[in-house]
């Protein structure tokens, strides 16, 4: 198992006040486990963690958000793995996974999740084959939804934790009234607006500085920022500082996913879950400054059987309020196991 190293005195001291009762993953700059993801753009090495492999429950795969990594699920994996196999991988272009100069899109991350389910978790579309639940935060929330919609034979449930994604364009005034322009534009557009530099490429060198990373994290952990510690900051800084492709990858992700028409709308994906009888849950940080509760409201209006658990947290509820999120995920998974 992968716990915080006692020998790392600086990080341990920095996180001494953060969720002390929970076990957590250890930050491993050299990576943990690896898997070769074959995409239409080539073969790429993906970093991931896995715990509870011998447990009997339905497997759960966790997908992180923009700029983060599998380590962002540090307080969730060990707790949830007491009941079931739990996996978390680094999206292509993020964390300790490869950062090739390819066309980054929602489709490549959707397919990464689908192939991970097949090749690592062992899911199968055959009758009686293994299925897994997928859960994601922010960008990872949309990736989880997109994967569930397009790989329904592999997925038994889907959870969006302050998930990103676009809704179909409507009359501008009606859209603002229904969900707010911020949600309609999508998460990455919000990130573009948040960046203080006008040039995205140049802004990368500002945003990767530890002080800036901490500042952004504190903004999106508005209720309790005690988990914004040295390990979390380092897990974001290190990949950004050690890959020669990081600035270009950052530019490609922002420009590909933050402008122009969406290739998949939330409105079109939700009915596919209904047809496949895949339950959807929203575990939502209700004080999110980036993706506000109106986005969750709209998802529920489009798919009324969607479950929802409100968390007293911001954009990253799984790390800001991990005990509450673990309870919500455990309850959702228990329903799938039944």
Protein backbone atom coordinates (compact mmCIF):
# COMPACT_ATOMS: atom_id res chain seq x y z
CA UNK A 1 0.00 0.00 0.00
CA UNK A 2 1.09 3.56 -0.63
CA UNK A 3 1.02 5.86 2.38
CA UNK A 4 2.65 9.20 3.12
CA UNK A 5 6.36 8.57 3.95
CA UNK A 6 7.30 9.38 7.53
CA UNK A 7 10.77 10.32 6.37
CA UNK A 8 9.41 13.23 4.35
CA UNK A 9 9.45 15.58 7.33
CA UNK A 10 8.75 18.77 5.42
CA UNK A 11 5.66 17.45 3.65
CA UNK A 12 4.45 15.70 6.78
CA UNK A 13 4.73 18.90 8.80
CA UNK A 14 2.98 20.90 6.10
CA UNK A 15 0.05 18.49 6.11
CA UNK A 16 -0.08 17.88 9.84
CA UNK A 17 -3.36 19.76 10.13
CA UNK A 18 -4.92 18.28 6.99
CA UNK A 19 -7.34 15.37 7.41
CA UNK A 20 -5.10 13.57 9.93
CA UNK A 21 -7.48 10.65 10.48
CA UNK A 22 -7.37 9.40 6.88
CA UNK A 23 -4.74 7.23 5.27
CA UNK A 24 -3.38 8.74 2.09
CA UNK A 25 -1.39 7.90 -0.97
CA UNK A 26 2.26 8.72 -1.04
CA UNK A 27 3.51 11.21 -3.62
CA UNK A 28 5.92 9.25 -5.84
CA UNK A 29 7.77 11.51 -8.32
CA UNK A 30 9.14 8.41 -10.05
CA UNK A 31 5.63 7.06 -10.64
CA UNK A 32 3.79 4.01 -9.35
CA UNK A 33 2.39 1.55 -11.90
CA UNK A 34 2.45 1.98 -15.68
CA UNK A 35 0.33 0.93 -18.62
CA UNK A 36 0.81 1.42 -22.37
CA UNK A 37 -2.14 3.22 -23.90
CA UNK A 38 -2.43 2.74 -27.64
CA UNK A 39 -4.29 5.66 -29.14
CA UNK A 40 -4.79 6.79 -32.71
CA UNK A 41 -1.80 9.09 -32.10
CA UNK A 42 0.61 6.35 -30.98
CA UNK A 43 1.55 4.39 -27.85
CA UNK A 44 1.89 6.32 -24.59
CA UNK A 45 2.96 5.32 -21.09
CA UNK A 46 0.31 6.07 -18.46
CA UNK A 47 0.97 6.30 -14.73
CA UNK A 48 -1.66 4.87 -12.39
CA UNK A 49 -2.29 3.60 -8.88
CA UNK A 50 -4.28 0.55 -7.83
CA UNK A 51 -5.35 -0.69 -4.41
CA UNK A 52 -7.81 -3.24 -3.04
CA UNK A 53 -7.32 -5.52 -6.04
CA UNK A 54 -8.27 -8.58 -3.99
CA UNK A 55 -11.50 -7.04 -2.69
CA UNK A 56 -14.86 -8.36 -3.92
CA UNK A 57 -16.73 -5.13 -4.65
CA UNK A 58 -17.37 -3.56 -8.06
CA UNK A 59 -14.19 -1.81 -9.25
CA UNK A 60 -14.05 1.98 -9.18
CA UNK A 61 -11.89 4.07 -11.52
CA UNK A 62 -11.12 7.68 -10.53
CA UNK A 63 -10.20 10.37 -13.07
CA UNK A 64 -8.58 13.64 -11.99
CA UNK A 65 -9.16 17.15 -13.29
CA UNK A 66 -7.23 19.77 -15.25
CA UNK A 67 -3.63 20.22 -14.11
CA UNK A 68 -3.84 17.50 -11.45
CA UNK A 69 -2.97 13.80 -11.35
CA UNK A 70 -3.98 10.53 -9.74
CA UNK A 71 -2.36 11.81 -6.54
CA UNK A 72 -5.28 14.23 -6.16
CA UNK A 73 -7.29 11.19 -5.03
CA UNK A 74 -4.78 10.68 -2.18
CA UNK A 75 -7.41 10.61 0.58
CA UNK A 76 -9.97 8.62 -1.41
CA UNK A 77 -8.14 5.61 -2.85
CA UNK A 78 -7.02 4.02 0.46
CA UNK A 79 -10.41 4.49 2.13
CA UNK A 80 -12.49 3.22 -0.78
CA UNK A 81 -10.11 0.33 -1.46
CA UNK A 82 -11.09 -1.26 1.84
CA UNK A 83 -14.26 -2.44 0.07
CA UNK A 84 -13.31 -2.85 -3.60
CA UNK A 85 -10.60 -2.50 -6.27
CA UNK A 86 -9.88 1.19 -6.79
CA UNK A 87 -7.81 2.64 -9.62
CA UNK A 88 -6.74 6.18 -10.48
CA UNK A 89 -4.74 7.10 -13.56
CA UNK A 90 -3.00 10.20 -14.88
CA UNK A 91 -4.67 11.50 -18.01
CA UNK A 92 -2.48 11.71 -21.08
CA UNK A 93 -0.65 15.05 -20.94
CA UNK A 94 -0.93 15.36 -17.16
CA UNK A 95 0.79 14.12 -14.02
CA UNK A 96 3.44 11.47 -14.62
CA UNK A 97 1.88 10.15 -17.82
CA UNK A 98 3.48 10.84 -21.18
CA UNK A 99 3.08 14.31 -22.65
CA UNK A 100 3.30 13.76 -26.40
CA UNK A 101 2.71 16.55 -28.89
CA UNK A 102 -0.64 15.28 -30.11
CA UNK A 103 -4.09 16.71 -30.62
CA UNK A 104 -5.58 16.79 -27.13
CA UNK A 105 -9.33 16.39 -27.06
CA UNK A 106 -12.15 14.99 -24.99
CA UNK A 107 -12.12 11.98 -27.30
CA UNK A 108 -8.56 10.92 -26.51
CA UNK A 109 -9.28 10.99 -22.75
CA UNK A 110 -12.61 9.20 -23.27
CA UNK A 111 -10.82 6.43 -25.14
CA UNK A 112 -8.00 6.33 -22.59
CA UNK A 113 -10.60 5.64 -19.88
CA UNK A 114 -12.36 3.01 -22.00
CA UNK A 115 -9.16 1.15 -22.82
CA UNK A 116 -8.03 1.36 -19.20
CA UNK A 117 -11.25 -0.37 -18.19
CA UNK A 118 -10.62 -3.14 -20.69
CA UNK A 119 -6.88 -3.65 -20.42
CA UNK A 120 -6.09 -2.85 -16.78
CA UNK A 121 -9.32 -3.38 -14.85
CA UNK A 122 -10.32 -6.36 -17.03
CA UNK A 123 -13.79 -5.17 -17.98
CA UNK A 124 -15.53 -6.92 -20.83
CA UNK A 125 -18.56 -6.23 -22.96
CA UNK A 126 -19.34 -9.95 -23.12
CA UNK A 127 -22.52 -11.20 -21.42
CA UNK A 128 -21.80 -11.47 -17.72
CA UNK A 129 -18.46 -9.68 -18.14
CA UNK A 130 -16.90 -7.48 -15.49
CA UNK A 131 -17.97 -3.85 -15.30
CA UNK A 132 -16.63 -0.91 -13.30
CA UNK A 133 -17.89 2.47 -12.13
CA UNK A 134 -16.13 5.62 -13.27
CA UNK A 135 -15.90 8.83 -11.26
CA UNK A 136 -14.14 12.05 -12.14
CA UNK A 137 -13.56 15.60 -10.99
CA UNK A 138 -13.72 18.64 -13.25
CA UNK A 139 -12.27 17.67 -16.66
CA UNK A 140 -12.17 14.11 -15.36
CA UNK A 141 -15.87 14.30 -14.56
CA UNK A 142 -16.67 14.95 -18.19
CA UNK A 143 -14.22 12.21 -19.23
CA UNK A 144 -16.08 9.80 -16.93
CA UNK A 145 -19.45 10.81 -18.39
CA UNK A 146 -18.18 10.58 -21.98
CA UNK A 147 -16.64 7.16 -21.30
CA UNK A 148 -19.82 5.83 -19.71
CA UNK A 149 -21.89 7.08 -22.66
CA UNK A 150 -19.63 5.59 -25.33
CA UNK A 151 -18.47 2.42 -23.53
CA UNK A 152 -21.72 1.41 -21.78
CA UNK A 153 -20.93 -2.32 -21.87
CA UNK A 154 -17.93 -1.68 -19.59
CA UNK A 155 -19.51 0.76 -17.12
CA UNK A 156 -21.87 0.06 -14.22
CA UNK A 157 -22.12 3.59 -12.81
CA UNK A 158 -20.88 7.15 -13.25
CA UNK A 159 -20.13 9.92 -10.76
CA UNK A 160 -19.35 13.53 -11.66
CA UNK A 161 -17.65 15.58 -8.97
CA UNK A 162 -18.06 19.18 -10.15
CA UNK A 163 -17.75 17.87 -13.68
CA UNK A 164 -16.86 20.09 -16.60
CA UNK A 165 -18.49 19.99 -20.04
CA UNK A 166 -20.70 22.09 -22.28
CA UNK A 167 -24.42 22.21 -22.74
CA UNK A 168 -26.02 22.71 -26.12
CA UNK A 169 -26.22 26.38 -27.12
CA UNK A 170 -29.63 27.93 -26.65
CA UNK A 171 -30.97 31.44 -26.68
CA UNK A 172 -28.28 33.38 -24.75
CA UNK A 173 -30.69 34.92 -22.26
CA UNK A 174 -32.40 31.60 -21.62
CA UNK A 175 -29.04 29.90 -21.17
CA UNK A 176 -27.98 32.43 -18.57
CA UNK A 177 -31.24 32.00 -16.71
CA UNK A 178 -31.01 28.19 -16.82
CA UNK A 179 -27.43 27.55 -15.89
CA UNK A 180 -25.30 30.66 -16.03
CA UNK A 181 -22.96 31.68 -18.78
CA UNK A 182 -19.95 30.35 -16.89
CA UNK A 183 -21.26 26.78 -17.08
CA UNK A 184 -22.31 27.18 -20.71
CA UNK A 185 -18.82 28.25 -21.72
CA UNK A 186 -17.16 25.31 -19.98
CA UNK A 187 -14.42 24.90 -17.40
CA UNK A 188 -11.46 25.54 -19.65
CA UNK A 189 -12.92 28.86 -20.75
CA UNK A 190 -13.05 29.79 -17.07
CA UNK A 191 -9.42 28.82 -16.70
CA UNK A 192 -8.50 30.97 -19.69
CA UNK A 193 -10.27 33.93 -18.12
CA UNK A 194 -8.61 33.26 -14.78
CA UNK A 195 -5.09 33.33 -16.19
CA UNK A 196 -3.57 36.76 -15.68
CA UNK A 197 -1.46 36.76 -18.85
CA UNK A 198 -2.99 37.35 -22.24
CA UNK A 199 -0.74 34.82 -23.93
CA UNK A 200 -1.54 31.26 -22.87
CA UNK A 201 1.90 29.89 -23.60
CA UNK A 202 3.60 32.53 -21.48
CA UNK A 203 1.09 32.13 -18.69
CA UNK A 204 2.21 28.52 -18.23
CA UNK A 205 5.51 29.70 -16.77
CA UNK A 206 3.62 31.80 -14.24
CA UNK A 207 1.06 29.21 -13.23
CA UNK A 208 3.62 26.46 -12.60
CA UNK A 209 5.36 28.42 -9.84
CA UNK A 210 4.68 26.92 -6.38
CA UNK A 211 3.32 30.18 -4.95
CA UNK A 212 0.92 30.55 -7.88
CA UNK A 213 -0.19 26.91 -7.63
CA UNK A 214 -0.93 27.38 -3.95
CA UNK A 215 -2.83 30.61 -4.65
CA UNK A 216 -5.08 28.91 -7.23
CA UNK A 217 -5.67 25.91 -4.97
CA UNK A 218 -6.68 28.12 -2.07
CA UNK A 219 -9.18 29.84 -4.33
CA UNK A 220 -10.88 26.57 -5.27
CA UNK A 221 -10.78 25.18 -1.70
CA UNK A 222 -12.94 28.03 -0.30
CA UNK A 223 -14.39 26.31 2.79
CA UNK A 224 -11.34 24.52 4.21
CA UNK A 225 -7.93 24.99 2.59
CA UNK A 226 -5.99 23.00 5.19
CA UNK A 227 -5.35 20.25 2.63
CA UNK A 228 -3.52 22.69 0.36
CA UNK A 229 -0.14 21.40 1.52
CA UNK A 230 3.41 20.97 0.26
CA UNK A 231 2.81 17.51 -1.19
CA UNK A 232 -0.19 18.62 -3.23
CA UNK A 233 1.64 21.65 -4.59
CA UNK A 234 4.67 19.53 -5.46
CA UNK A 235 2.53 16.93 -7.23
CA UNK A 236 1.36 19.69 -9.59
CA UNK A 237 4.67 21.55 -9.90
CA UNK A 238 6.93 18.55 -10.52
CA UNK A 239 5.34 17.28 -13.78
CA UNK A 240 5.12 20.84 -15.10
CA UNK A 241 8.80 21.45 -14.40
CA UNK A 242 10.31 18.18 -15.58
CA UNK A 243 8.80 17.57 -19.02
CA UNK A 244 10.18 19.59 -21.95
CA UNK A 245 6.80 19.35 -23.67
CA UNK A 246 4.71 20.72 -20.82
CA UNK A 247 4.31 24.30 -22.07
CA UNK A 248 3.27 23.16 -25.53
CA UNK A 249 0.92 20.53 -24.10
CA UNK A 250 -0.64 23.19 -21.86
CA UNK A 251 -1.15 25.42 -24.90
CA UNK A 252 -2.70 22.61 -26.95
CA UNK A 253 -5.07 21.52 -24.19
CA UNK A 254 -6.25 25.09 -23.56
CA UNK A 255 -6.72 26.06 -27.20
CA UNK A 256 -8.27 22.74 -28.26
CA UNK A 257 -10.72 22.43 -25.40
CA UNK A 258 -11.45 26.06 -24.57
CA UNK A 259 -12.52 27.46 -27.95
CA UNK A 260 -14.70 26.52 -30.84
CA UNK A 261 -17.66 24.15 -30.84
CA UNK A 262 -17.78 21.20 -28.47
CA UNK A 263 -17.50 17.75 -30.03
CA UNK A 264 -19.85 16.30 -27.41
CA UNK A 265 -22.49 18.05 -25.36
CA UNK A 266 -23.66 16.92 -21.95
CA UNK A 267 -27.22 17.06 -23.31
CA UNK A 268 -26.38 14.34 -25.88
CA UNK A 269 -24.49 12.08 -23.49
CA UNK A 270 -27.04 11.89 -20.67
CA UNK A 271 -29.70 10.02 -22.72
CA UNK A 272 -27.13 7.35 -23.55
CA UNK A 273 -26.73 6.60 -19.85
CA UNK A 274 -30.51 6.36 -19.54
CA UNK A 275 -30.75 3.88 -22.42
CA UNK A 276 -27.93 1.78 -20.96
CA UNK A 277 -29.43 1.99 -17.45
CA UNK A 278 -26.20 3.40 -16.03
CA UNK A 279 -26.91 5.32 -12.82
CA UNK A 280 -25.47 8.83 -12.56
CA UNK A 281 -24.58 10.63 -9.35
CA UNK A 282 -23.47 14.21 -8.85
CA UNK A 283 -21.23 14.70 -5.83
CA UNK A 284 -21.00 18.47 -5.89
CA UNK A 285 -18.96 21.03 -4.01
CA UNK A 286 -21.66 23.67 -3.67
CA UNK A 287 -19.18 26.55 -3.16
CA UNK A 288 -17.28 25.98 -6.40
CA UNK A 289 -16.15 29.36 -7.81
CA UNK A 290 -15.55 27.87 -11.27
CA UNK A 291 -18.36 25.39 -12.00
CA UNK A 292 -21.29 26.56 -9.97
CA UNK A 293 -24.24 24.54 -8.67
CA UNK A 294 -26.36 25.74 -11.59
CA UNK A 295 -24.48 23.26 -13.80
CA UNK A 296 -25.54 20.40 -11.54
CA UNK A 297 -29.09 21.80 -11.50
CA UNK A 298 -29.19 21.68 -15.28
CA UNK A 299 -27.89 18.10 -15.43
CA UNK A 300 -30.67 17.09 -13.04
CA UNK A 301 -33.25 18.89 -15.18
CA UNK A 302 -32.04 16.99 -18.25
CA UNK A 303 -31.85 13.64 -16.42
CA UNK A 304 -34.29 13.71 -13.49
CA UNK A 305 -33.24 10.33 -12.06
CA UNK A 306 -29.74 11.68 -11.37
CA UNK A 307 -28.70 11.34 -7.74
CA UNK A 308 -27.06 14.32 -6.05
CA UNK A 309 -25.04 14.73 -2.89
CA UNK A 310 -24.17 18.28 -1.87
CA UNK A 311 -20.73 18.74 -0.29
CA UNK A 312 -19.66 21.78 1.74
CA UNK A 313 -16.60 22.43 -0.43
CA UNK A 314 -15.40 24.06 -3.62
CA UNK A 315 -14.20 22.79 -6.98
CA UNK A 316 -12.28 19.77 -5.63
CA UNK A 317 -14.58 18.30 -2.96
CA UNK A 318 -12.79 14.95 -2.92
CA UNK A 319 -9.65 16.57 -1.51
CA UNK A 320 -11.17 19.48 0.40
CA UNK A 321 -13.77 17.32 2.17
CA UNK A 322 -12.59 13.76 1.56
CA UNK A 323 -14.51 12.08 4.37
CA UNK A 324 -17.84 13.39 3.08
CA UNK A 325 -16.98 12.45 -0.50
CA UNK A 326 -15.77 8.99 0.52
CA UNK A 327 -19.09 8.41 2.28
CA UNK A 328 -21.01 9.52 -0.82
CA UNK A 329 -18.96 7.35 -3.16
CA UNK A 330 -19.17 4.37 -0.83
CA UNK A 331 -22.96 4.66 -0.66
CA UNK A 332 -23.25 4.97 -4.45
CA UNK A 333 -21.02 1.94 -4.96
CA UNK A 334 -22.97 -0.09 -2.42
CA UNK A 335 -26.05 0.46 -4.55
CA UNK A 336 -24.20 -0.85 -7.60
CA UNK A 337 -22.93 -3.89 -5.68
CA UNK A 338 -26.46 -4.79 -4.59
